[in-house]
Amino acid sequence: MQSMFPFLANLIIATAALSGAGNEPGASSYLHAFQPGTDGVIATRPEVYVPQPGDLILFDDRNPTWIKLYHYVGSDMPDHSGIVIKLPDGRPAFLESAPDDGHLAGLYVRILHALPRLHQFKGTIYVRRLKVPLTPEQSDKLTEFAFAQEGKKYAIWRMLLQGTWFRCRSGWRAKYFAETDMNRNRWLCSEIVVAAGTAAGLFDPNIHKANRIYPRDLIYDDHYDLSQTWDEAWVWGPTPERPSCDPPKLDPWPELP
């Protein structure tokens, strides 16, 4: 009987999250797979989504400025990323650096409750679910890393350097300066996601160098093949009805400038 307690606890947490227990904002949560129908019309297949530790969350607010900036450095949207962690009380949360870049108060590393955050964002959200759940030890390392970084500042000056030849995207700069620093004082959004995943054993620091990876590299597998660890990206929505957005569309970026 004792072995049933963890299962029942997780079941209660999941049921509460999806039923809106306590009127928690963002009680409903679905992922949508886009599939071609027999008539050639693209349809969606919804599934209830409960965020799990290690899932990758990609945000696209379709901001024209970010689109131009990412194109300039040889990348593309989405423009922001986060990773799911488990809070000590069992609830899911997102680890993000600068979750709200439109306000100076948001330019910090924050841990945000998952469901309210999903409903709050004005734009398109893509989710790559972890194929194999984290072990309790991996999940604990992920949570420990997240809480150690919370409150640190966004790396705004290094973000500006991405528009110069000092970025570690490719060439000799990537060869000599690309790395995964596990204890930065300031973080870019995709850097902290890769570092957190590295702490949990999901990324290989010899291959996935955090300071040369952008959010786009986490949603598509053309530069880094993450398909062995994460499912392909699905679109998040608050209801089982088809979301009013397009499926993720891969525009080729064969060269890393």
Protein backbone atom coordinates (compact mmCIF):
# COMPACT_ATOMS: atom_id res chain seq x y z
CA MET A 1 0.00 0.00 0.00
CA GLN A 2 2.82 2.42 0.81
CA SER A 3 4.14 2.18 -2.78
CA MET A 4 0.81 3.61 -3.97
CA PHE A 5 1.31 6.93 -2.14
CA PRO A 6 3.66 8.58 -4.70
CA PHE A 7 1.36 7.50 -7.53
CA LEU A 8 -1.74 8.85 -5.78
CA ALA A 9 0.03 12.12 -4.93
CA ASN A 10 1.04 12.67 -8.56
CA LEU A 11 -2.47 11.75 -9.70
CA ILE A 12 -4.00 14.31 -7.34
CA ILE A 13 -1.58 17.02 -8.52
CA ALA A 14 -2.32 16.32 -12.18
CA THR A 15 -6.07 16.16 -11.62
CA ALA A 16 -6.08 19.44 -9.70
CA ALA A 17 -4.08 21.18 -12.40
CA LEU A 18 -6.47 20.10 -15.14
CA SER A 19 -9.73 20.54 -13.27
CA GLY A 20 -9.05 24.07 -12.09
CA ALA A 21 -9.07 23.14 -8.41
CA GLY A 22 -9.05 26.26 -6.29
CA ASN A 23 -9.89 28.33 -9.41
CA GLU A 24 -6.20 28.48 -10.30
CA PRO A 25 -5.68 30.62 -13.42
CA GLY A 26 -4.85 28.56 -16.48
CA ALA A 27 -6.53 25.36 -15.37
CA SER A 28 -6.92 23.92 -18.88
CA SER A 29 -3.94 22.95 -21.00
CA TYR A 30 -3.66 21.17 -24.35
CA LEU A 31 -1.06 20.38 -26.98
CA HIS A 32 -2.02 20.29 -30.64
CA ALA A 33 -0.36 18.20 -33.34
CA PHE A 34 -0.96 19.52 -36.86
CA GLN A 35 -1.75 16.73 -39.32
CA PRO A 36 -2.90 16.72 -42.98
CA GLY A 37 -6.44 15.36 -43.31
CA THR A 38 -7.74 13.09 -46.05
CA ASP A 39 -9.14 16.15 -47.85
CA GLY A 40 -5.76 17.87 -47.78
CA VAL A 41 -6.85 20.29 -45.07
CA ILE A 42 -4.53 20.59 -42.09
CA ALA A 43 -6.26 19.37 -38.94
CA THR A 44 -5.14 19.23 -35.33
CA ARG A 45 -5.13 16.44 -32.77
CA PRO A 46 -5.36 17.78 -29.20
CA GLU A 47 -3.99 16.09 -26.10
CA VAL A 48 -4.25 17.20 -22.48
CA TYR A 49 -0.89 18.60 -21.40
CA VAL A 50 0.54 18.49 -17.90
CA PRO A 51 4.05 20.05 -17.95
CA GLN A 52 6.76 17.61 -16.90
CA PRO A 53 10.31 18.39 -15.71
CA GLY A 54 12.66 18.67 -18.66
CA ASP A 55 10.05 19.72 -21.24
CA LEU A 56 11.23 22.58 -23.47
CA ILE A 57 8.94 25.60 -23.82
CA LEU A 58 9.43 27.93 -26.81
CA PHE A 59 7.71 31.32 -27.05
CA ASP A 60 7.02 33.34 -30.20
CA ASP A 61 5.43 36.77 -29.79
CA ARG A 62 5.89 37.53 -33.50
CA ASN A 63 7.65 40.79 -32.68
CA PRO A 64 8.99 42.29 -35.96
CA THR A 65 12.06 43.69 -34.21
CA TRP A 66 13.08 40.29 -32.83
CA ILE A 67 12.42 38.69 -36.21
CA LYS A 68 14.83 41.12 -37.90
CA LEU A 69 17.47 40.71 -35.19
CA TYR A 70 17.37 36.92 -35.30
CA HIS A 71 17.57 36.95 -39.10
CA TYR A 72 20.58 39.26 -38.88
CA VAL A 73 22.51 36.77 -36.73
CA GLY A 74 21.48 33.81 -38.89
CA SER A 75 18.61 32.48 -36.81
CA ASP A 76 14.85 32.79 -36.63
CA MET A 77 11.89 32.72 -34.29
CA PRO A 78 10.87 31.64 -31.67
CA ASP A 79 12.44 34.44 -29.69
CA HIS A 80 12.33 33.03 -26.15
CA SER A 81 12.71 29.70 -24.36
CA GLY A 82 12.24 28.09 -20.97
CA ILE A 83 12.42 24.66 -19.34
CA VAL A 84 9.98 22.93 -16.99
CA ILE A 85 11.07 22.16 -13.43
CA LYS A 86 9.23 20.62 -10.49
CA LEU A 87 8.68 22.81 -7.45
CA PRO A 88 9.17 21.33 -3.95
CA ASP A 89 5.38 21.05 -3.59
CA GLY A 90 5.19 19.01 -6.80
CA ARG A 91 3.73 21.67 -9.05
CA PRO A 92 5.35 22.39 -12.43
CA ALA A 93 7.08 25.70 -13.09
CA PHE A 94 9.16 27.30 -15.83
CA LEU A 95 12.74 28.46 -15.45
CA GLU A 96 13.23 31.49 -17.70
CA SER A 97 15.63 34.38 -18.09
CA ALA A 98 13.75 37.62 -18.85
CA PRO A 99 10.27 36.15 -19.33
CA ASP A 100 8.91 39.63 -20.02
CA ASP A 101 11.50 41.54 -22.01
CA GLY A 102 9.12 44.45 -22.49
CA HIS A 103 9.67 45.65 -18.91
CA LEU A 104 12.87 46.29 -16.99
CA ALA A 105 11.35 44.50 -13.99
CA GLY A 106 11.24 41.35 -16.11
CA LEU A 107 14.93 41.30 -16.99
CA TYR A 108 15.81 38.70 -14.38
CA VAL A 109 15.88 34.93 -14.05
CA ARG A 110 12.51 33.85 -12.73
CA ILE A 111 10.69 30.67 -11.75
CA LEU A 112 7.05 30.95 -12.79
CA HIS A 113 4.10 28.64 -12.14
CA ALA A 114 3.54 26.77 -15.39
CA LEU A 115 -0.20 26.95 -16.06
CA PRO A 116 -0.73 30.65 -15.29
CA ARG A 117 2.36 31.46 -17.37
CA LEU A 118 1.02 29.51 -20.34
CA HIS A 119 -2.26 31.39 -20.23
CA GLN A 120 -0.62 34.77 -19.66
CA PHE A 121 1.62 34.77 -22.74
CA LYS A 122 0.28 36.68 -25.76
CA GLY A 123 1.64 34.78 -28.71
CA THR A 124 2.37 31.24 -29.85
CA ILE A 125 3.84 28.64 -27.50
CA TYR A 126 5.54 25.47 -28.69
CA VAL A 127 6.32 22.53 -26.42
CA ARG A 128 8.83 19.72 -26.90
CA ARG A 129 8.01 16.99 -24.42
CA LEU A 130 10.74 14.89 -22.91
CA LYS A 131 10.54 11.35 -24.28
CA VAL A 132 11.77 9.59 -21.13
CA PRO A 133 10.76 11.14 -17.77
CA LEU A 134 13.54 12.38 -15.56
CA THR A 135 14.57 10.22 -12.65
CA PRO A 136 13.91 11.75 -9.21
CA GLU A 137 17.64 12.48 -8.94
CA GLN A 138 17.70 14.26 -12.32
CA SER A 139 14.61 16.27 -11.44
CA ASP A 140 16.14 17.30 -8.11
CA LYS A 141 19.32 18.48 -9.86
CA LEU A 142 17.24 20.49 -12.31
CA THR A 143 15.26 22.14 -9.51
CA GLU A 144 18.39 22.79 -7.46
CA PHE A 145 20.06 24.47 -10.44
CA ALA A 146 16.98 26.60 -11.11
CA PHE A 147 16.71 27.92 -7.57
CA ALA A 148 20.45 28.69 -7.51
CA GLN A 149 20.01 30.95 -10.55
CA GLU A 150 16.72 32.64 -9.61
CA GLY A 151 17.00 36.41 -9.32
CA LYS A 152 20.13 36.75 -11.44
CA LYS A 153 20.04 39.37 -14.19
CA TYR A 154 19.44 38.96 -17.89
CA ALA A 155 22.67 39.22 -19.94
CA ILE A 156 21.58 42.28 -21.88
CA TRP A 157 25.11 43.33 -22.93
CA ARG A 158 25.95 39.87 -24.22
CA MET A 159 22.63 39.90 -26.04
CA LEU A 160 23.77 43.07 -27.82
CA LEU A 161 27.09 41.38 -28.67
CA GLN A 162 25.13 38.78 -30.64
CA GLY A 163 24.85 41.41 -33.36
CA THR A 164 28.63 41.63 -33.67
CA TRP A 165 31.44 39.29 -34.65
CA PHE A 166 32.09 38.63 -30.97
CA ARG A 167 29.19 36.16 -30.77
CA CYS A 168 30.19 32.49 -30.38
CA ARG A 169 27.84 31.25 -33.08
CA SER A 170 30.36 29.60 -35.43
CA GLY A 171 33.88 29.60 -36.86
CA TRP A 172 36.90 30.30 -34.71
CA ARG A 173 34.77 32.06 -32.09
CA ALA A 174 32.75 28.90 -31.51
CA LYS A 175 35.87 26.76 -31.55
CA TYR A 176 37.69 28.72 -28.87
CA PHE A 177 34.99 30.44 -26.83
CA ALA A 178 31.83 28.34 -27.00
CA GLU A 179 31.06 26.66 -23.67
CA THR A 180 28.41 25.79 -21.14
CA ASP A 181 29.10 27.86 -18.04
CA MET A 182 27.04 26.42 -15.20
CA ASN A 183 27.22 29.44 -12.91
CA ARG A 184 26.92 32.67 -14.84
CA ASN A 185 26.11 35.93 -13.11
CA ARG A 186 23.83 36.88 -16.03
CA TRP A 187 21.93 34.66 -18.44
CA LEU A 188 20.46 34.70 -21.91
CA CYS A 189 17.22 32.72 -22.16
CA SER A 190 18.48 29.79 -24.22
CA GLU A 191 21.77 29.68 -22.28
CA ILE A 192 20.03 29.00 -19.00
CA VAL A 193 17.78 26.37 -20.62
CA VAL A 194 20.79 24.46 -21.98
CA ALA A 195 22.71 24.82 -18.71
CA ALA A 196 19.70 23.59 -16.72
CA GLY A 197 19.28 20.65 -19.09
CA THR A 198 22.98 19.93 -18.72
CA ALA A 199 22.61 19.82 -14.93
CA ALA A 200 19.90 17.19 -15.41
CA GLY A 201 21.99 15.18 -17.89
CA LEU A 202 19.86 16.05 -20.93
CA PHE A 203 22.49 17.99 -22.90
CA ASP A 204 26.08 16.98 -23.62
CA PRO A 205 28.32 19.97 -22.74
CA ASN A 206 30.88 18.77 -25.28
CA ILE A 207 28.29 19.11 -28.06
CA HIS A 208 25.64 21.53 -26.86
CA LYS A 209 27.56 24.69 -25.94
CA ALA A 210 25.06 26.96 -24.22
CA ASN A 211 26.45 30.31 -25.39
CA ARG A 212 26.11 29.42 -29.09
CA ILE A 213 22.57 28.03 -28.98
CA TYR A 214 19.52 30.18 -29.74
CA PRO A 215 15.85 29.33 -29.06
CA ARG A 216 15.38 28.29 -32.70
CA ASP A 217 18.03 25.59 -32.21
CA LEU A 218 15.86 24.03 -29.49
CA ILE A 219 12.75 23.66 -31.62
CA TYR A 220 14.27 22.31 -34.85
CA ASP A 221 16.82 19.52 -35.25
CA ASP A 222 18.83 20.76 -38.23
CA HIS A 223 21.76 22.19 -36.23
CA TYR A 224 21.48 20.00 -33.12
CA ASP A 225 19.53 16.77 -33.34
CA LEU A 226 17.51 16.62 -30.13
CA SER A 227 14.99 14.10 -31.46
CA GLN A 228 16.38 11.25 -29.37
CA THR A 229 15.61 13.16 -26.18
CA TRP A 230 12.56 15.30 -27.00
CA ASP A 231 9.45 14.81 -29.12
CA GLU A 232 8.82 17.20 -32.00
CA ALA A 233 7.28 20.53 -31.12
CA TRP A 234 3.51 20.77 -30.66
CA VAL A 235 1.51 23.96 -30.31
CA TRP A 236 0.04 24.74 -26.88
CA GLY A 237 -3.55 25.95 -26.48
CA PRO A 238 -5.94 26.61 -23.59
CA THR A 239 -8.75 24.51 -25.11
CA PRO A 240 -9.06 21.40 -27.30
CA GLU A 241 -10.19 23.64 -30.17
CA ARG A 242 -7.69 24.31 -32.96
CA PRO A 243 -5.37 27.21 -32.03
CA SER A 244 -5.38 30.24 -34.28
CA CYS A 245 -1.77 29.86 -35.37
CA ASP A 246 0.30 27.86 -37.80
CA PRO A 247 2.36 24.76 -37.00
CA PRO A 248 6.12 25.28 -36.58
CA LYS A 249 7.56 25.87 -40.05
CA LEU A 250 11.22 25.17 -40.67
CA ASP A 251 12.91 27.82 -42.77
CA PRO A 252 16.36 26.58 -43.79
CA TRP A 253 19.35 28.23 -42.21
CA PRO A 254 22.17 26.00 -43.51
CA GLU A 255 25.05 28.17 -42.35
CA LEU A 256 25.86 29.43 -38.90
CA PRO A 257 27.34 32.92 -39.46
